[in-house]
Protein backbone atom coordinates (compact mmCIF):
# COMPACT_ATOMS: atom_id res chain seq x y z
CA MET A 1 7.29 24.83 35.65
CA ARG A 2 8.71 28.22 34.75
CA SER A 3 6.52 27.91 31.24
CA LEU A 4 3.44 27.11 32.88
CA PRO A 5 0.52 27.61 31.99
CA LEU A 6 0.71 25.71 28.57
CA GLU A 7 -2.01 25.20 26.18
CA GLY A 8 -2.24 23.59 22.91
CA HIS A 9 -4.60 21.63 20.39
CA ALA A 10 -4.51 17.72 20.98
CA HIS A 11 -3.13 15.36 18.45
CA LEU A 12 -3.13 11.58 18.70
CA LEU A 13 -0.85 9.02 17.84
CA GLY A 14 -2.84 5.86 17.43
CA LYS A 15 -4.65 4.72 20.68
CA SER A 16 -1.70 4.91 22.91
CA VAL A 17 -0.45 8.72 22.87
CA ALA A 18 -2.08 12.19 23.05
CA TYR A 19 -0.23 14.99 22.77
CA PHE A 20 0.09 18.84 22.21
CA GLU A 21 3.02 20.98 20.95
CA THR A 22 4.51 23.92 23.10
CA SER A 23 6.98 26.57 22.51
CA VAL A 24 9.14 25.09 25.18
CA ASP A 25 12.76 24.86 23.94
CA SER A 26 14.74 22.35 26.27
CA GLY A 27 17.01 19.33 25.89
CA ILE A 28 16.50 15.82 27.06
CA GLU A 29 17.26 14.57 30.42
CA ARG A 30 16.93 11.03 32.04
CA SER A 31 15.72 9.85 28.67
CA ARG A 32 13.52 7.00 28.19
CA GLN A 33 11.93 5.01 25.37
CA GLU A 34 9.35 2.87 27.51
CA PHE A 35 6.34 4.42 29.01
CA LYS A 36 3.35 3.25 31.17
CA LYS A 37 -0.33 4.34 30.95
CA GLY A 38 -0.62 7.55 32.85
CA ASP A 39 2.83 8.81 32.15
CA VAL A 40 3.60 12.18 30.99
CA ALA A 41 6.70 12.95 29.00
CA PHE A 42 8.34 15.94 27.06
CA LEU A 43 9.48 15.27 23.71
CA PRO A 44 12.36 17.78 22.86
CA SER A 45 12.45 17.54 18.98
CA SER A 46 9.11 19.24 18.84
CA GLY A 47 8.48 20.76 22.10
CA SER A 48 5.55 18.31 22.72
CA ILE A 49 3.84 17.30 26.04
CA CYS A 50 2.70 13.82 25.63
CA PHE A 51 0.18 11.81 27.70
CA PHE A 52 0.32 7.87 27.52
CA LEU A 53 -2.82 6.22 27.12
CA SER A 54 -1.57 2.81 27.28
CA ASP A 55 1.77 1.02 27.88
CA THR A 56 3.91 1.85 24.68
CA GLU A 57 7.49 2.45 23.38
CA PRO A 58 7.04 5.33 21.03
CA GLY A 59 10.52 4.92 19.23
CA LYS A 60 11.71 8.32 20.35
CA SER A 61 13.69 9.28 23.38
CA MET A 62 11.62 11.39 25.77
CA THR A 63 11.98 13.17 29.25
CA PRO A 64 9.75 11.85 31.83
CA ILE A 65 8.12 14.94 33.59
CA GLY A 66 5.43 13.27 35.71
CA LYS A 67 2.39 10.87 35.99
CA LEU A 68 -1.38 11.56 36.06
CA THR A 69 -2.77 11.04 39.45
CA GLY A 70 -6.39 10.94 38.60
CA ASP A 71 -8.18 8.65 35.96
CA ALA A 72 -5.93 8.14 33.20
CA ASP A 73 -8.96 6.43 31.33
CA ALA A 74 -10.65 9.99 31.10
CA LEU A 75 -7.79 10.57 28.17
CA ASN A 76 -9.32 8.05 26.10
CA ASN A 77 -12.21 10.47 25.31
CA ILE A 78 -9.68 12.91 23.86
CA LYS A 79 -10.45 13.74 19.99
CA SER A 80 -7.78 15.71 17.80
CA GLY A 81 -8.34 19.28 17.97
CA ASP A 82 -9.37 19.30 21.86
CA VAL A 83 -7.47 21.68 23.64
CA PHE A 84 -5.21 20.74 26.51
CA CYS A 85 -4.38 23.22 29.54
CA LEU A 86 -1.35 22.34 31.56
CA TYR A 87 -0.96 24.59 34.64
CA GLU A 88 0.24 24.44 38.38
CA GLU A 89 -2.48 24.03 40.81
CA THR A 90 -2.37 26.54 43.69
CA THR A 91 -4.03 26.33 47.08
């Protein structure tokens, strides 16, 4: 949360993961290797924030950091190079 806002260009891993690289440098916590559609995870080896477009096992341990609360299918329209912005919503 201290690193927010974060922004980066989208990359795709097949049709199951969209991610963007950040400058966040953190270790792994509560690691998992299986994720459901709508999950959000942090990949410490590259500092990437990953959004899961479908249920998948990416083969790397990641730290789960959240879940999309809106329409996860909206991410199916992401193209490589699009810009992701991740920020804390304030009221």
